Amino acid sequence: MGRIEEIGDPGVRALSFGAGRRVFSMLLVRHGGTVHAFLDACPHAFLPLTWRGGSVLSADGQRLVCSNHFAEFDAADGHPVSGPADCGLDALPVRLEPDGAIVMG
């Protein structure tokens, strides 16, 4: 999936696996020495947060912002902060290996 040093601090890296209707898209979010992962899908309209392109990380690095309706989510846990979404992002299990590799699970 990559290495922690490949993601800005704070920063987001979008990843997609598969193609067409069978694509799986996720976001890796880095804050210091931690990495969180979320499904790249806004629960408000189930469109990717990255749908319109550009950065989905707020200027202060604390929130993920949907590019469609501008719903905001806490970048550390995916909980909704503001906007039309009333539920949070789906978290995905990732862990950081001692050598800096990011792996699922």
N, C-alpha and C. Protein backbone atom coordinates (compact mmCIF):
# COMPACT_ATOMS: atom_id res chain seq x y z
N MET A 1 0.82 -1.19 0.00
CA MET A 1 0.00 0.00 0.00
C MET A 1 0.86 1.25 0.00
N GLY A 2 2.08 1.10 0.37
CA GLY A 2 2.96 2.25 0.40
C GLY A 2 3.70 2.38 1.72
N ARG A 3 4.39 3.50 1.83
CA ARG A 3 5.20 3.77 3.01
C ARG A 3 4.79 5.11 3.60
N ILE A 4 4.94 5.25 4.90
CA ILE A 4 4.50 6.48 5.57
C ILE A 4 5.20 7.72 5.01
N GLU A 5 6.46 7.60 4.64
CA GLU A 5 7.18 8.77 4.15
C GLU A 5 6.70 9.22 2.77
N GLU A 6 5.86 8.43 2.10
CA GLU A 6 5.30 8.82 0.80
C GLU A 6 4.07 9.72 0.94
N ILE A 7 3.62 9.92 2.17
CA ILE A 7 2.45 10.75 2.44
C ILE A 7 2.91 11.98 3.21
N GLY A 8 2.47 13.15 2.78
CA GLY A 8 2.82 14.39 3.49
C GLY A 8 2.38 14.32 4.95
N ASP A 9 2.86 15.24 5.75
CA ASP A 9 2.51 15.25 7.17
C ASP A 9 2.04 16.64 7.59
N PRO A 10 0.75 16.88 7.76
CA PRO A 10 -0.33 15.93 7.52
C PRO A 10 -0.58 15.79 6.02
N GLY A 11 -1.17 14.66 5.63
CA GLY A 11 -1.42 14.44 4.22
C GLY A 11 -2.39 13.30 3.97
N VAL A 12 -2.83 13.21 2.72
CA VAL A 12 -3.76 12.17 2.29
C VAL A 12 -3.25 11.57 0.99
N ARG A 13 -3.39 10.27 0.88
CA ARG A 13 -3.07 9.57 -0.36
C ARG A 13 -4.28 8.75 -0.76
N ALA A 14 -4.79 8.96 -1.97
CA ALA A 14 -5.92 8.19 -2.49
C ALA A 14 -5.38 6.98 -3.23
N LEU A 15 -5.97 5.83 -2.97
CA LEU A 15 -5.59 4.58 -3.64
C LEU A 15 -6.84 3.94 -4.23
N SER A 16 -6.69 3.34 -5.42
CA SER A 16 -7.79 2.60 -6.04
C SER A 16 -7.26 1.26 -6.52
N PHE A 17 -8.09 0.25 -6.35
CA PHE A 17 -7.76 -1.10 -6.79
C PHE A 17 -8.90 -1.58 -7.68
N GLY A 18 -8.59 -2.25 -8.78
CA GLY A 18 -9.62 -2.72 -9.70
C GLY A 18 -9.95 -1.65 -10.72
N ALA A 19 -11.07 -1.87 -11.43
CA ALA A 19 -11.48 -0.93 -12.47
C ALA A 19 -12.99 -0.98 -12.67
N GLY A 20 -13.51 0.09 -13.28
CA GLY A 20 -14.93 0.14 -13.61
C GLY A 20 -15.82 0.00 -12.39
N ARG A 21 -16.81 -0.87 -12.51
CA ARG A 21 -17.76 -1.07 -11.42
C ARG A 21 -17.17 -1.88 -10.28
N ARG A 22 -15.99 -2.41 -10.48
CA ARG A 22 -15.35 -3.24 -9.45
C ARG A 22 -14.16 -2.53 -8.81
N VAL A 23 -14.21 -1.23 -8.80
CA VAL A 23 -13.11 -0.47 -8.20
C VAL A 23 -13.35 -0.31 -6.69
N PHE A 24 -12.26 -0.37 -5.96
CA PHE A 24 -12.28 -0.15 -4.51
C PHE A 24 -11.35 1.02 -4.26
N SER A 25 -11.90 2.11 -3.73
CA SER A 25 -11.10 3.32 -3.49
C SER A 25 -11.04 3.62 -2.01
N MET A 26 -9.86 4.02 -1.57
CA MET A 26 -9.66 4.32 -0.16
C MET A 26 -8.74 5.52 0.00
N LEU A 27 -8.74 6.09 1.19
CA LEU A 27 -7.87 7.21 1.53
C LEU A 27 -6.97 6.81 2.69
N LEU A 28 -5.68 7.07 2.56
CA LEU A 28 -4.74 6.93 3.67
C LEU A 28 -4.48 8.33 4.20
N VAL A 29 -4.61 8.51 5.49
CA VAL A 29 -4.46 9.83 6.12
C VAL A 29 -3.32 9.75 7.13
N ARG A 30 -2.34 10.64 6.97
CA ARG A 30 -1.20 10.65 7.90
C ARG A 30 -1.26 11.87 8.81
N HIS A 31 -1.02 11.62 10.09
CA HIS A 31 -0.84 12.67 11.10
C HIS A 31 0.35 12.25 11.94
N GLY A 32 1.48 12.91 11.74
CA GLY A 32 2.69 12.55 12.49
C GLY A 32 3.06 11.11 12.21
N GLY A 33 3.19 10.33 13.26
CA GLY A 33 3.58 8.93 13.12
C GLY A 33 2.42 7.97 13.02
N THR A 34 1.21 8.47 12.76
CA THR A 34 0.05 7.59 12.65
C THR A 34 -0.55 7.66 11.26
N VAL A 35 -1.16 6.55 10.85
CA VAL A 35 -1.86 6.48 9.57
C VAL A 35 -3.24 5.88 9.81
N HIS A 36 -4.25 6.51 9.25
CA HIS A 36 -5.63 6.01 9.31
C HIS A 36 -6.08 5.77 7.88
N ALA A 37 -7.06 4.89 7.70
CA ALA A 37 -7.59 4.61 6.36
C ALA A 37 -9.11 4.65 6.40
N PHE A 38 -9.68 5.18 5.31
CA PHE A 38 -11.13 5.29 5.19
C PHE A 38 -11.53 4.93 3.77
N LEU A 39 -12.72 4.38 3.63
CA LEU A 39 -13.31 4.18 2.32
C LEU A 39 -13.50 5.56 1.70
N ASP A 40 -13.15 5.71 0.43
CA ASP A 40 -13.29 7.00 -0.24
C ASP A 40 -14.74 7.14 -0.72
N ALA A 41 -15.65 7.30 0.23
CA ALA A 41 -17.07 7.43 -0.10
C ALA A 41 -17.76 8.27 0.97
N CYS A 42 -18.33 9.39 0.56
CA CYS A 42 -19.08 10.23 1.49
C CYS A 42 -20.40 9.53 1.82
N PRO A 43 -20.72 9.36 3.09
CA PRO A 43 -21.96 8.67 3.45
C PRO A 43 -23.22 9.47 3.09
N HIS A 44 -23.07 10.74 2.77
CA HIS A 44 -24.22 11.57 2.41
C HIS A 44 -24.78 11.18 1.04
N ALA A 45 -23.93 11.03 0.04
CA ALA A 45 -24.40 10.72 -1.32
C ALA A 45 -23.66 9.53 -1.92
N PHE A 46 -22.79 8.91 -1.15
CA PHE A 46 -21.96 7.78 -1.56
C PHE A 46 -21.15 8.06 -2.82
N LEU A 47 -20.72 9.30 -2.96
CA LEU A 47 -19.76 9.67 -4.00
C LEU A 47 -18.39 9.73 -3.35
N PRO A 48 -17.32 9.49 -4.12
CA PRO A 48 -15.98 9.62 -3.55
C PRO A 48 -15.74 11.04 -3.02
N LEU A 49 -15.07 11.14 -1.89
CA LEU A 49 -14.68 12.46 -1.40
C LEU A 49 -13.83 13.16 -2.45
N THR A 50 -13.06 12.40 -3.19
CA THR A 50 -12.13 12.91 -4.20
C THR A 50 -12.78 13.12 -5.56
N TRP A 51 -14.11 13.02 -5.66
CA TRP A 51 -14.83 13.02 -6.93
C TRP A 51 -14.47 14.20 -7.83
N ARG A 52 -14.38 15.39 -7.30
CA ARG A 52 -14.09 16.58 -8.10
C ARG A 52 -12.60 16.91 -8.17
N GLY A 53 -11.77 16.05 -7.63
CA GLY A 53 -10.33 16.28 -7.67
C GLY A 53 -9.88 17.27 -6.61
N GLY A 54 -8.61 17.55 -6.61
CA GLY A 54 -8.06 18.47 -5.62
C GLY A 54 -7.87 17.80 -4.28
N SER A 55 -7.39 18.57 -3.33
CA SER A 55 -7.12 18.05 -2.00
C SER A 55 -8.41 17.91 -1.21
N VAL A 56 -8.54 16.83 -0.46
CA VAL A 56 -9.69 16.64 0.42
C VAL A 56 -9.32 16.91 1.87
N LEU A 57 -8.08 17.29 2.12
CA LEU A 57 -7.63 17.59 3.48
C LEU A 57 -7.74 19.09 3.72
N SER A 58 -8.34 19.46 4.85
CA SER A 58 -8.47 20.89 5.18
C SER A 58 -7.08 21.51 5.36
N ALA A 59 -7.02 22.83 5.28
CA ALA A 59 -5.74 23.54 5.38
C ALA A 59 -5.01 23.24 6.68
N ASP A 60 -5.76 23.03 7.77
CA ASP A 60 -5.11 22.74 9.05
C ASP A 60 -4.82 21.25 9.25
N GLY A 61 -5.21 20.42 8.28
CA GLY A 61 -4.93 18.99 8.36
C GLY A 61 -5.80 18.21 9.32
N GLN A 62 -6.84 18.83 9.85
CA GLN A 62 -7.67 18.18 10.86
C GLN A 62 -8.94 17.53 10.32
N ARG A 63 -9.35 17.91 9.09
CA ARG A 63 -10.60 17.40 8.55
C ARG A 63 -10.45 16.93 7.11
N LEU A 64 -11.25 15.92 6.76
CA LEU A 64 -11.41 15.50 5.38
C LEU A 64 -12.67 16.17 4.87
N VAL A 65 -12.62 16.75 3.68
CA VAL A 65 -13.73 17.52 3.14
C VAL A 65 -14.19 16.89 1.84
N CYS A 66 -15.47 16.54 1.77
CA CYS A 66 -16.04 15.98 0.55
C CYS A 66 -16.05 17.05 -0.54
N SER A 67 -15.54 16.72 -1.72
CA SER A 67 -15.48 17.69 -2.81
C SER A 67 -16.84 17.93 -3.46
N ASN A 68 -17.83 17.13 -3.13
CA ASN A 68 -19.15 17.27 -3.74
C ASN A 68 -20.06 18.22 -2.95
N HIS A 69 -20.37 17.90 -1.70
CA HIS A 69 -21.27 18.72 -0.89
C HIS A 69 -20.56 19.38 0.30
N PHE A 70 -19.25 19.23 0.38
CA PHE A 70 -18.41 19.87 1.40
C PHE A 70 -18.71 19.41 2.83
N ALA A 71 -19.21 18.19 2.97
CA ALA A 71 -19.32 17.60 4.31
C ALA A 71 -17.91 17.46 4.86
N GLU A 72 -17.74 17.64 6.16
CA GLU A 72 -16.43 17.56 6.79
C GLU A 72 -16.41 16.45 7.83
N PHE A 73 -15.28 15.74 7.87
CA PHE A 73 -15.10 14.61 8.76
C PHE A 73 -13.77 14.75 9.49
N ASP A 74 -13.72 14.32 10.74
CA ASP A 74 -12.48 14.32 11.50
C ASP A 74 -11.48 13.41 10.80
N ALA A 75 -10.29 13.92 10.52
CA ALA A 75 -9.29 13.15 9.78
C ALA A 75 -8.70 12.00 10.60
N ALA A 76 -8.86 12.03 11.91
CA ALA A 76 -8.30 10.96 12.76
C ALA A 76 -9.26 9.80 12.93
N ASP A 77 -10.57 10.07 12.96
CA ASP A 77 -11.51 8.97 13.22
C ASP A 77 -12.68 8.89 12.24
N GLY A 78 -12.81 9.85 11.32
CA GLY A 78 -13.86 9.81 10.32
C GLY A 78 -15.22 10.29 10.77
N HIS A 79 -15.35 10.72 12.03
CA HIS A 79 -16.65 11.19 12.52
C HIS A 79 -17.05 12.48 11.82
N PRO A 80 -18.37 12.68 11.58
CA PRO A 80 -18.81 13.90 10.91
C PRO A 80 -18.58 15.13 11.78
N VAL A 81 -18.15 16.22 11.15
CA VAL A 81 -17.89 17.48 11.86
C VAL A 81 -18.91 18.54 11.45
N SER A 82 -19.17 18.65 10.15
CA SER A 82 -20.16 19.61 9.67
C SER A 82 -20.62 19.20 8.28
N GLY A 83 -21.71 19.83 7.82
CA GLY A 83 -22.23 19.55 6.49
C GLY A 83 -23.38 18.57 6.51
N PRO A 84 -23.78 18.11 5.33
CA PRO A 84 -24.99 17.30 5.21
C PRO A 84 -24.86 15.86 5.70
N ALA A 85 -23.68 15.35 5.88
CA ALA A 85 -23.52 13.96 6.32
C ALA A 85 -23.81 13.85 7.82
N ASP A 86 -24.64 12.89 8.19
CA ASP A 86 -24.94 12.72 9.61
C ASP A 86 -24.32 11.45 10.18
N CYS A 87 -23.52 10.77 9.38
CA CYS A 87 -22.77 9.63 9.89
C CYS A 87 -21.35 9.72 9.35
N GLY A 88 -20.45 8.97 9.95
CA GLY A 88 -19.04 9.10 9.64
C GLY A 88 -18.58 8.26 8.46
N LEU A 89 -17.31 8.44 8.14
CA LEU A 89 -16.67 7.65 7.10
C LEU A 89 -16.43 6.23 7.60
N ASP A 90 -16.40 5.28 6.69
CA ASP A 90 -16.11 3.90 7.04
C ASP A 90 -14.60 3.73 7.18
N ALA A 91 -14.17 3.41 8.39
CA ALA A 91 -12.74 3.19 8.66
C ALA A 91 -12.33 1.82 8.14
N LEU A 92 -11.09 1.73 7.70
CA LEU A 92 -10.52 0.48 7.21
C LEU A 92 -9.31 0.13 8.08
N PRO A 93 -9.09 -1.16 8.33
CA PRO A 93 -7.98 -1.55 9.20
C PRO A 93 -6.63 -1.47 8.49
N VAL A 94 -5.77 -0.61 8.97
CA VAL A 94 -4.39 -0.55 8.48
C VAL A 94 -3.46 -0.48 9.68
N ARG A 95 -2.24 -0.88 9.46
CA ARG A 95 -1.24 -0.76 10.53
C ARG A 95 0.08 -0.32 9.91
N LEU A 96 0.88 0.28 10.74
CA LEU A 96 2.18 0.77 10.33
C LEU A 96 3.24 -0.18 10.85
N GLU A 97 4.01 -0.74 9.93
CA GLU A 97 5.10 -1.65 10.31
C GLU A 97 6.30 -0.84 10.82
N PRO A 98 7.18 -1.47 11.60
CA PRO A 98 8.34 -0.75 12.13
C PRO A 98 9.23 -0.11 11.05
N ASP A 99 9.24 -0.70 9.84
CA ASP A 99 10.07 -0.14 8.77
C ASP A 99 9.37 0.97 7.98
N GLY A 100 8.14 1.36 8.40
CA GLY A 100 7.41 2.43 7.73
C GLY A 100 6.42 1.97 6.68
N ALA A 101 6.33 0.67 6.43
CA ALA A 101 5.37 0.15 5.46
C ALA A 101 3.96 0.22 6.04
N ILE A 102 3.00 0.56 5.19
CA ILE A 102 1.59 0.59 5.59
C ILE A 102 0.93 -0.65 5.01
N VAL A 103 0.28 -1.44 5.86
CA VAL A 103 -0.35 -2.69 5.41
C VAL A 103 -1.79 -2.76 5.91
N MET A 104 -2.62 -3.46 5.16
CA MET A 104 -4.00 -3.70 5.59
C MET A 104 -3.98 -4.73 6.70
N GLY A 105 -4.96 -4.59 7.61
CA GLY A 105 -5.11 -5.62 8.62
C GLY A 105 -4.92 -5.13 10.02
